[in-house]
Amino acid sequence: MRKQLALAIALAAPLSAQVADKANERYRTAEGRQGMLANLSAEDRAARLKGEVIVKELGIQPGSTVADLGTGGGAMLPLFSEAVGAQGKVIAEDIFQDFLAPTKTKYAALKNVSYVLGTEKDVKLAAATVDLAVTIDAYHHWDYPAEVLASVKKALRPGGRFVIVDYFKRAGAMDAPGVALQHIRLDRDDVIKEVSAHGFALERTVEHVPGKQYLAIFTPVR
């Protein structure tokens, strides 16, 4: 029994010990975040994210509520806003007020979008209010995945889904060779293991950008 317990701890350690230290370096100061915001709010960011492909893949229904977790510069908000329609809702969540404030101003015309300041451990969404929670190029920044995933699960309605779009942890996955190996916290298979270990079941996964990014859809286990 002791040997089995020791083995379980040893296997779990590589996942639990992973934190987004390298990925979060530039987010620790206001100056660093301003530099990142220039990229996150760039006019071509939605196109670079292949945002229309993401929306189509997810089959977002009019009238639904979508949460954009780690919205950053809000590049996906117009696409989500259009997909849910006038009767739907989009919640733009981020942990940095200096991201949310300019994004709220930029997209003031999107009347079905609201803004929520989360924390490193809690997305701060009301219980059972969200049909689809999506995090794009942001999961690898989560230092406290267990806590955040618990808050996401709480926010989802029955039948709700949680979606991750992120880079593979592989050489060549990001623009500069080898960067993904340092920057990305976990590769896709380990992300699936991590999310599944915290109350979700994998529905399906696809290569969003072959060799570079994946999209994984999960449903909460009740």
C-alpha atoms as a PDB file:
ATOM      1  CA  MET A   1       0.000   0.000   0.000  1.00  0.00           C
ATOM      2  CA  ARG A   2       2.830   2.383   0.896  1.00  0.00           C
ATOM      3  CA  LYS A   3       4.573   1.605  -2.377  1.00  0.00           C
ATOM      4  CA  GLN A   4       1.385   2.328  -4.324  1.00  0.00           C
ATOM      5  CA  LEU A   5       0.931   5.645  -2.500  1.00  0.00           C
ATOM      6  CA  ALA A   6       4.536   6.649  -3.148  1.00  0.00           C
ATOM      7  CA  LEU A   7       4.154   5.798  -6.828  1.00  0.00           C
ATOM      8  CA  ALA A   8       0.965   7.850  -7.095  1.00  0.00           C
ATOM      9  CA  ILE A   9       2.683  10.840  -5.502  1.00  0.00           C
ATOM     10  CA  ALA A  10       5.669  10.474  -7.802  1.00  0.00           C
ATOM     11  CA  LEU A  11       3.461  10.369 -10.879  1.00  0.00           C
ATOM     12  CA  ALA A  12       1.405  13.344  -9.745  1.00  0.00           C
ATOM     13  CA  ALA A  13       4.403  15.521  -8.841  1.00  0.00           C
ATOM     14  CA  PRO A  14       5.428  16.557 -12.358  1.00  0.00           C
ATOM     15  CA  LEU A  15       1.927  17.925 -13.014  1.00  0.00           C
ATOM     16  CA  SER A  16       1.305  19.579  -9.651  1.00  0.00           C
ATOM     17  CA  ALA A  17       4.777  21.136  -9.603  1.00  0.00           C
ATOM     18  CA  GLN A  18       4.297  22.876 -12.933  1.00  0.00           C
ATOM     19  CA  VAL A  19       3.640  26.601 -12.639  1.00  0.00           C
ATOM     20  CA  ALA A  20       3.604  29.265 -15.321  1.00  0.00           C
ATOM     21  CA  ASP A  21       6.710  31.075 -14.091  1.00  0.00           C
ATOM     22  CA  LYS A  22       8.344  31.674 -17.485  1.00  0.00           C
ATOM     23  CA  ALA A  23       5.071  32.454 -19.257  1.00  0.00           C
ATOM     24  CA  ASN A  24       4.090  35.061 -16.673  1.00  0.00           C
ATOM     25  CA  GLU A  25       7.338  37.037 -16.501  1.00  0.00           C
ATOM     26  CA  ARG A  26       6.091  39.965 -18.593  1.00  0.00           C
ATOM     27  CA  TYR A  27       2.755  40.129 -16.747  1.00  0.00           C
ATOM     28  CA  ARG A  28       4.255  40.906 -13.337  1.00  0.00           C
ATOM     29  CA  THR A  29       4.726  44.642 -13.916  1.00  0.00           C
ATOM     30  CA  ALA A  30       2.463  47.358 -15.295  1.00  0.00           C
ATOM     31  CA  GLU A  31       5.081  48.152 -17.938  1.00  0.00           C
ATOM     32  CA  GLY A  32       5.270  44.525 -19.008  1.00  0.00           C
ATOM     33  CA  ARG A  33       1.493  44.244 -19.238  1.00  0.00           C
ATOM     34  CA  GLN A  34       1.293  47.373 -21.377  1.00  0.00           C
ATOM     35  CA  GLY A  35       3.756  45.813 -23.769  1.00  0.00           C
ATOM     36  CA  MET A  36       1.701  42.627 -23.911  1.00  0.00           C
ATOM     37  CA  LEU A  37      -1.528  44.575 -24.392  1.00  0.00           C
ATOM     38  CA  ALA A  38      -0.180  46.043 -27.620  1.00  0.00           C
ATOM     39  CA  ASN A  39      -0.145  42.511 -29.041  1.00  0.00           C
ATOM     40  CA  LEU A  40      -3.319  41.295 -27.338  1.00  0.00           C
ATOM     41  CA  SER A  41      -5.340  44.232 -28.680  1.00  0.00           C
ATOM     42  CA  ALA A  42      -3.809  44.337 -32.170  1.00  0.00           C
ATOM     43  CA  GLU A  43      -6.351  44.640 -34.982  1.00  0.00           C
ATOM     44  CA  ASP A  44      -5.193  41.394 -36.587  1.00  0.00           C
ATOM     45  CA  ARG A  45      -5.214  39.325 -33.390  1.00  0.00           C
ATOM     46  CA  ALA A  46      -8.583  37.662 -34.001  1.00  0.00           C
ATOM     47  CA  ALA A  47      -7.410  36.647 -37.462  1.00  0.00           C
ATOM     48  CA  ARG A  48      -4.139  35.297 -36.033  1.00  0.00           C
ATOM     49  CA  LEU A  49      -6.147  33.318 -33.488  1.00  0.00           C
ATOM     50  CA  LYS A  50      -8.295  31.969 -36.339  1.00  0.00           C
ATOM     51  CA  GLY A  51     -11.220  33.235 -34.305  1.00  0.00           C
ATOM     52  CA  GLU A  52     -13.893  32.478 -36.880  1.00  0.00           C
ATOM     53  CA  VAL A  53     -12.722  28.861 -36.994  1.00  0.00           C
ATOM     54  CA  ILE A  54     -12.969  28.651 -33.189  1.00  0.00           C
ATOM     55  CA  VAL A  55     -16.521  30.025 -33.170  1.00  0.00           C
ATOM     56  CA  LYS A  56     -17.593  27.609 -35.901  1.00  0.00           C
ATOM     57  CA  GLU A  57     -15.954  24.636 -34.166  1.00  0.00           C
ATOM     58  CA  LEU A  58     -17.770  25.413 -30.919  1.00  0.00           C
ATOM     59  CA  GLY A  59     -21.195  25.806 -32.506  1.00  0.00           C
ATOM     60  CA  ILE A  60     -22.151  28.696 -30.239  1.00  0.00           C
ATOM     61  CA  GLN A  61     -25.913  29.024 -29.967  1.00  0.00           C
ATOM     62  CA  PRO A  62     -27.804  32.338 -30.143  1.00  0.00           C
ATOM     63  CA  GLY A  63     -29.072  33.341 -26.709  1.00  0.00           C
ATOM     64  CA  SER A  64     -26.328  31.504 -24.842  1.00  0.00           C
ATOM     65  CA  THR A  65     -23.843  32.907 -22.339  1.00  0.00           C
ATOM     66  CA  VAL A  66     -20.161  32.688 -23.232  1.00  0.00           C
ATOM     67  CA  ALA A  67     -17.319  33.520 -20.840  1.00  0.00           C
ATOM     68  CA  ASP A  68     -14.018  34.578 -22.405  1.00  0.00           C
ATOM     69  CA  LEU A  69     -11.539  33.693 -19.673  1.00  0.00           C
ATOM     70  CA  GLY A  70      -8.327  35.695 -19.844  1.00  0.00           C
ATOM     71  CA  THR A  71      -9.814  38.013 -22.437  1.00  0.00           C
ATOM     72  CA  GLY A  72      -6.695  40.213 -22.529  1.00  0.00           C
ATOM     73  CA  GLY A  73      -7.291  42.801 -25.229  1.00  0.00           C
ATOM     74  CA  GLY A  74     -10.693  41.313 -26.068  1.00  0.00           C
ATOM     75  CA  ALA A  75      -9.865  40.228 -29.618  1.00  0.00           C
ATOM     76  CA  MET A  76     -12.549  37.511 -29.575  1.00  0.00           C
ATOM     77  CA  LEU A  77     -15.322  39.651 -28.094  1.00  0.00           C
ATOM     78  CA  PRO A  78     -16.846  40.879 -31.387  1.00  0.00           C
ATOM     79  CA  LEU A  79     -17.018  37.309 -32.692  1.00  0.00           C
ATOM     80  CA  PHE A  80     -18.535  35.943 -29.490  1.00  0.00           C
ATOM     81  CA  SER A  81     -20.942  38.886 -29.298  1.00  0.00           C
ATOM     82  CA  GLU A  82     -22.193  38.233 -32.820  1.00  0.00           C
ATOM     83  CA  ALA A  83     -22.496  34.486 -32.217  1.00  0.00           C
ATOM     84  CA  VAL A  84     -24.697  34.774 -29.103  1.00  0.00           C
ATOM     85  CA  GLY A  85     -26.801  37.564 -30.564  1.00  0.00           C
ATOM     86  CA  ALA A  86     -28.813  40.294 -28.887  1.00  0.00           C
ATOM     87  CA  GLN A  87     -30.469  37.829 -26.513  1.00  0.00           C
ATOM     88  CA  GLY A  88     -27.188  36.247 -25.465  1.00  0.00           C
ATOM     89  CA  LYS A  89     -24.416  37.364 -23.148  1.00  0.00           C
ATOM     90  CA  VAL A  90     -20.642  37.491 -23.287  1.00  0.00           C
ATOM     91  CA  ILE A  91     -18.586  37.810 -20.104  1.00  0.00           C
ATOM     92  CA  ALA A  92     -15.047  39.105 -20.574  1.00  0.00           C
ATOM     93  CA  GLU A  93     -12.949  37.961 -17.610  1.00  0.00           C
ATOM     94  CA  ASP A  94      -9.354  38.784 -16.793  1.00  0.00           C
ATOM     95  CA  ILE A  95      -7.224  39.095 -13.675  1.00  0.00           C
ATOM     96  CA  PHE A  96      -5.708  42.438 -14.725  1.00  0.00           C
ATOM     97  CA  GLN A  97      -7.728  45.632 -14.447  1.00  0.00           C
ATOM     98  CA  ASP A  98      -5.261  47.347 -16.784  1.00  0.00           C
ATOM     99  CA  PHE A  99      -6.380  44.890 -19.487  1.00  0.00           C
ATOM    100  CA  LEU A 100     -10.092  45.130 -18.727  1.00  0.00           C
ATOM    101  CA  ALA A 101     -10.360  48.926 -18.573  1.00  0.00           C
ATOM    102  CA  PRO A 102      -9.101  49.722 -22.096  1.00  0.00           C
ATOM    103  CA  THR A 103     -10.866  46.681 -23.514  1.00  0.00           C
ATOM    104  CA  LYS A 104     -14.171  47.815 -22.027  1.00  0.00           C
ATOM    105  CA  THR A 105     -13.680  51.249 -23.591  1.00  0.00           C
ATOM    106  CA  LYS A 106     -12.679  49.823 -26.966  1.00  0.00           C
ATOM    107  CA  TYR A 107     -15.738  47.563 -27.182  1.00  0.00           C
ATOM    108  CA  ALA A 108     -18.286  49.837 -25.531  1.00  0.00           C
ATOM    109  CA  ALA A 109     -20.593  49.386 -28.524  1.00  0.00           C
ATOM    110  CA  LEU A 110     -20.996  45.666 -27.764  1.00  0.00           C
ATOM    111  CA  LYS A 111     -24.042  45.904 -25.502  1.00  0.00           C
ATOM    112  CA  ASN A 112     -24.230  42.184 -24.717  1.00  0.00           C
ATOM    113  CA  VAL A 113     -20.702  42.117 -23.242  1.00  0.00           C
ATOM    114  CA  SER A 114     -19.978  42.569 -19.534  1.00  0.00           C
ATOM    115  CA  TYR A 115     -16.647  42.569 -17.703  1.00  0.00           C
ATOM    116  CA  VAL A 116     -15.473  40.676 -14.620  1.00  0.00           C
ATOM    117  CA  LEU A 117     -12.215  41.042 -12.697  1.00  0.00           C
ATOM    118  CA  GLY A 118     -11.124  37.580 -11.608  1.00  0.00           C
ATOM    119  CA  THR A 119      -8.159  36.464  -9.523  1.00  0.00           C
ATOM    120  CA  GLU A 120      -5.347  33.984 -10.004  1.00  0.00           C
ATOM    121  CA  LYS A 121      -7.493  31.386  -8.222  1.00  0.00           C
ATOM    122  CA  ASP A 122     -11.091  32.296  -9.094  1.00  0.00           C
ATOM    123  CA  VAL A 123     -12.795  33.491 -12.269  1.00  0.00           C
ATOM    124  CA  LYS A 124     -15.412  35.193 -10.056  1.00  0.00           C
ATOM    125  CA  LEU A 125     -18.399  34.139 -12.153  1.00  0.00           C
ATOM    126  CA  ALA A 126     -21.769  33.494 -10.548  1.00  0.00           C
ATOM    127  CA  ALA A 127     -22.758  29.861 -10.075  1.00  0.00           C
ATOM    128  CA  ALA A 128     -24.608  28.113 -12.917  1.00  0.00           C
ATOM    129  CA  THR A 129     -24.688  31.153 -15.222  1.00  0.00           C
ATOM    130  CA  VAL A 130     -22.425  30.151 -18.138  1.00  0.00           C
ATOM    131  CA  ASP A 131     -23.080  27.840 -21.090  1.00  0.00           C
ATOM    132  CA  LEU A 132     -19.589  27.979 -22.548  1.00  0.00           C
ATOM    133  CA  ALA A 133     -16.341  29.001 -20.849  1.00  0.00           C
ATOM    134  CA  VAL A 134     -13.442  29.482 -23.259  1.00  0.00           C
ATOM    135  CA  THR A 135      -9.796  30.249 -22.569  1.00  0.00           C
ATOM    136  CA  ILE A 136      -7.657  31.017 -25.612  1.00  0.00           C
ATOM    137  CA  ASP A 137      -3.852  31.110 -25.394  1.00  0.00           C
ATOM    138  CA  ALA A 138      -4.230  31.568 -21.644  1.00  0.00           C
ATOM    139  CA  TYR A 139      -4.416  28.173 -19.918  1.00  0.00           C
ATOM    140  CA  HIS A 140      -0.625  27.921 -19.870  1.00  0.00           C
ATOM    141  CA  HIS A 141      -0.594  31.049 -17.669  1.00  0.00           C
ATOM    142  CA  TRP A 142      -2.638  29.429 -14.886  1.00  0.00           C
ATOM    143  CA  ASP A 143      -0.499  29.022 -11.768  1.00  0.00           C
ATOM    144  CA  TYR A 144      -3.403  27.552  -9.765  1.00  0.00           C
ATOM    145  CA  PRO A 145      -5.245  25.245 -12.179  1.00  0.00           C
ATOM    146  CA  ALA A 146      -7.036  23.229  -9.474  1.00  0.00           C
ATOM    147  CA  GLU A 147      -8.607  26.305  -7.908  1.00  0.00           C
ATOM    148  CA  VAL A 148      -9.462  28.018 -11.197  1.00  0.00           C
ATOM    149  CA  LEU A 149     -10.957  24.860 -12.663  1.00  0.00           C
ATOM    150  CA  ALA A 150     -13.146  24.484  -9.573  1.00  0.00           C
ATOM    151  CA  SER A 151     -14.460  28.011 -10.080  1.00  0.00           C
ATOM    152  CA  VAL A 152     -15.085  27.357 -13.781  1.00  0.00           C
ATOM    153  CA  LYS A 153     -16.983  24.157 -12.998  1.00  0.00           C
ATOM    154  CA  LYS A 154     -19.117  26.036 -10.471  1.00  0.00           C
ATOM    155  CA  ALA A 155     -19.965  28.711 -13.058  1.00  0.00           C
ATOM    156  CA  LEU A 156     -21.133  26.275 -15.735  1.00  0.00           C
ATOM    157  CA  ARG A 157     -24.793  25.464 -16.179  1.00  0.00           C
ATOM    158  CA  PRO A 158     -25.917  21.845 -16.607  1.00  0.00           C
ATOM    159  CA  GLY A 159     -24.823  20.867 -20.079  1.00  0.00           C
ATOM    160  CA  GLY A 160     -22.189  23.613 -20.144  1.00  0.00           C
ATOM    161  CA  ARG A 161     -18.763  23.179 -21.713  1.00  0.00           C
ATOM    162  CA  PHE A 162     -15.228  24.315 -20.949  1.00  0.00           C
ATOM    163  CA  VAL A 163     -12.859  24.885 -23.872  1.00  0.00           C
ATOM    164  CA  ILE A 164      -9.102  25.328 -24.027  1.00  0.00           C
ATOM    165  CA  VAL A 165      -7.306  26.616 -27.110  1.00  0.00           C
ATOM    166  CA  ASP A 166      -3.573  26.619 -26.554  1.00  0.00           C
ATOM    167  CA  TYR A 167      -0.135  25.845 -27.922  1.00  0.00           C
ATOM    168  CA  PHE A 168       1.505  22.451 -27.883  1.00  0.00           C
ATOM    169  CA  LYS A 169       4.584  22.254 -25.667  1.00  0.00           C
ATOM    170  CA  ARG A 170       6.781  21.291 -28.583  1.00  0.00           C
ATOM    171  CA  ALA A 171       9.659  22.782 -30.529  1.00  0.00           C
ATOM    172  CA  GLY A 172       8.278  24.908 -33.329  1.00  0.00           C
ATOM    173  CA  ALA A 173       4.797  25.318 -31.841  1.00  0.00           C
ATOM    174  CA  MET A 174       5.410  29.028 -31.287  1.00  0.00           C
ATOM    175  CA  ASP A 175       7.071  31.421 -33.719  1.00  0.00           C
ATOM    176  CA  ALA A 176      10.598  31.256 -32.345  1.00  0.00           C
ATOM    177  CA  PRO A 177      12.195  27.772 -32.228  1.00  0.00           C
ATOM    178  CA  GLY A 178      12.204  26.243 -28.762  1.00  0.00           C
ATOM    179  CA  VAL A 179      10.151  29.004 -27.108  1.00  0.00           C
ATOM    180  CA  ALA A 180       7.143  26.759 -26.519  1.00  0.00           C
ATOM    181  CA  LEU A 181       9.291  24.317 -24.580  1.00  0.00           C
ATOM    182  CA  GLN A 182      10.034  27.036 -22.014  1.00  0.00           C
ATOM    183  CA  HIS A 183       6.853  29.092 -22.229  1.00  0.00           C
ATOM    184  CA  ILE A 184       4.098  26.470 -22.239  1.00  0.00           C
ATOM    185  CA  ARG A 185       3.321  24.808 -18.914  1.00  0.00           C
ATOM    186  CA  LEU A 186       2.062  21.432 -20.165  1.00  0.00           C
ATOM    187  CA  ASP A 187       1.611  19.713 -23.508  1.00  0.00           C
ATOM    188  CA  ARG A 188      -1.895  18.785 -24.673  1.00  0.00           C
ATOM    189  CA  ASP A 189      -2.025  15.261 -23.240  1.00  0.00           C
ATOM    190  CA  ASP A 190      -0.928  16.457 -19.802  1.00  0.00           C
ATOM    191  CA  VAL A 191      -3.404  19.342 -19.957  1.00  0.00           C
ATOM    192  CA  ILE A 192      -6.149  16.799 -20.615  1.00  0.00           C
ATOM    193  CA  LYS A 193      -4.959  14.741 -17.641  1.00  0.00           C
ATOM    194  CA  GLU A 194      -4.869  17.812 -15.416  1.00  0.00           C
ATOM    195  CA  VAL A 195      -8.330  19.065 -16.361  1.00  0.00           C
ATOM    196  CA  SER A 196      -9.799  15.554 -16.146  1.00  0.00           C
ATOM    197  CA  ALA A 197      -8.340  15.144 -12.658  1.00  0.00           C
ATOM    198  CA  HIS A 198     -10.285  18.208 -11.512  1.00  0.00           C
ATOM    199  CA  GLY A 199     -13.830  17.284 -12.391  1.00  0.00           C
ATOM    200  CA  PHE A 200     -14.090  17.393 -16.183  1.00  0.00           C
ATOM    201  CA  ALA A 201     -14.436  14.822 -18.939  1.00  0.00           C
ATOM    202  CA  LEU A 202     -12.875  15.287 -22.366  1.00  0.00           C
ATOM    203  CA  GLU A 203     -15.494  15.516 -25.089  1.00  0.00           C
ATOM    204  CA  ARG A 204     -13.123  15.863 -28.027  1.00  0.00           C
ATOM    205  CA  THR A 205      -9.948  17.533 -29.182  1.00  0.00           C
ATOM    206  CA  VAL A 206      -8.801  18.793 -32.581  1.00  0.00           C
ATOM    207  CA  GLU A 207      -5.647  20.388 -33.924  1.00  0.00           C
ATOM    208  CA  HIS A 208      -6.698  23.996 -34.257  1.00  0.00           C
ATOM    209  CA  VAL A 209      -3.461  24.870 -36.042  1.00  0.00           C
ATOM    210  CA  PRO A 210      -1.690  21.658 -37.108  1.00  0.00           C
ATOM    211  CA  GLY A 211       1.532  21.167 -35.198  1.00  0.00           C
ATOM    212  CA  LYS A 212       1.084  24.401 -33.266  1.00  0.00           C
ATOM    213  CA  GLN A 213      -2.227  24.678 -31.415  1.00  0.00           C
ATOM    214  CA  TYR A 214      -5.009  22.396 -30.228  1.00  0.00           C
ATOM    215  CA  LEU A 215      -8.607  22.902 -29.157  1.00  0.00           C
ATOM    216  CA  ALA A 216      -9.996  20.712 -26.378  1.00  0.00           C
ATOM    217  CA  ILE A 217     -13.628  20.612 -25.265  1.00  0.00           C
ATOM    218  CA  PHE A 218     -14.557  19.366 -21.781  1.00  0.00           C
ATOM    219  CA  THR A 219     -17.807  18.823 -19.929  1.00  0.00           C
ATOM    220  CA  PRO A 220     -18.072  18.927 -16.120  1.00  0.00           C
ATOM    221  CA  VAL A 221     -18.570  15.686 -14.254  1.00  0.00           C
ATOM    222  CA  ARG A 222     -21.466  16.204 -11.845  1.00  0.00           C
END
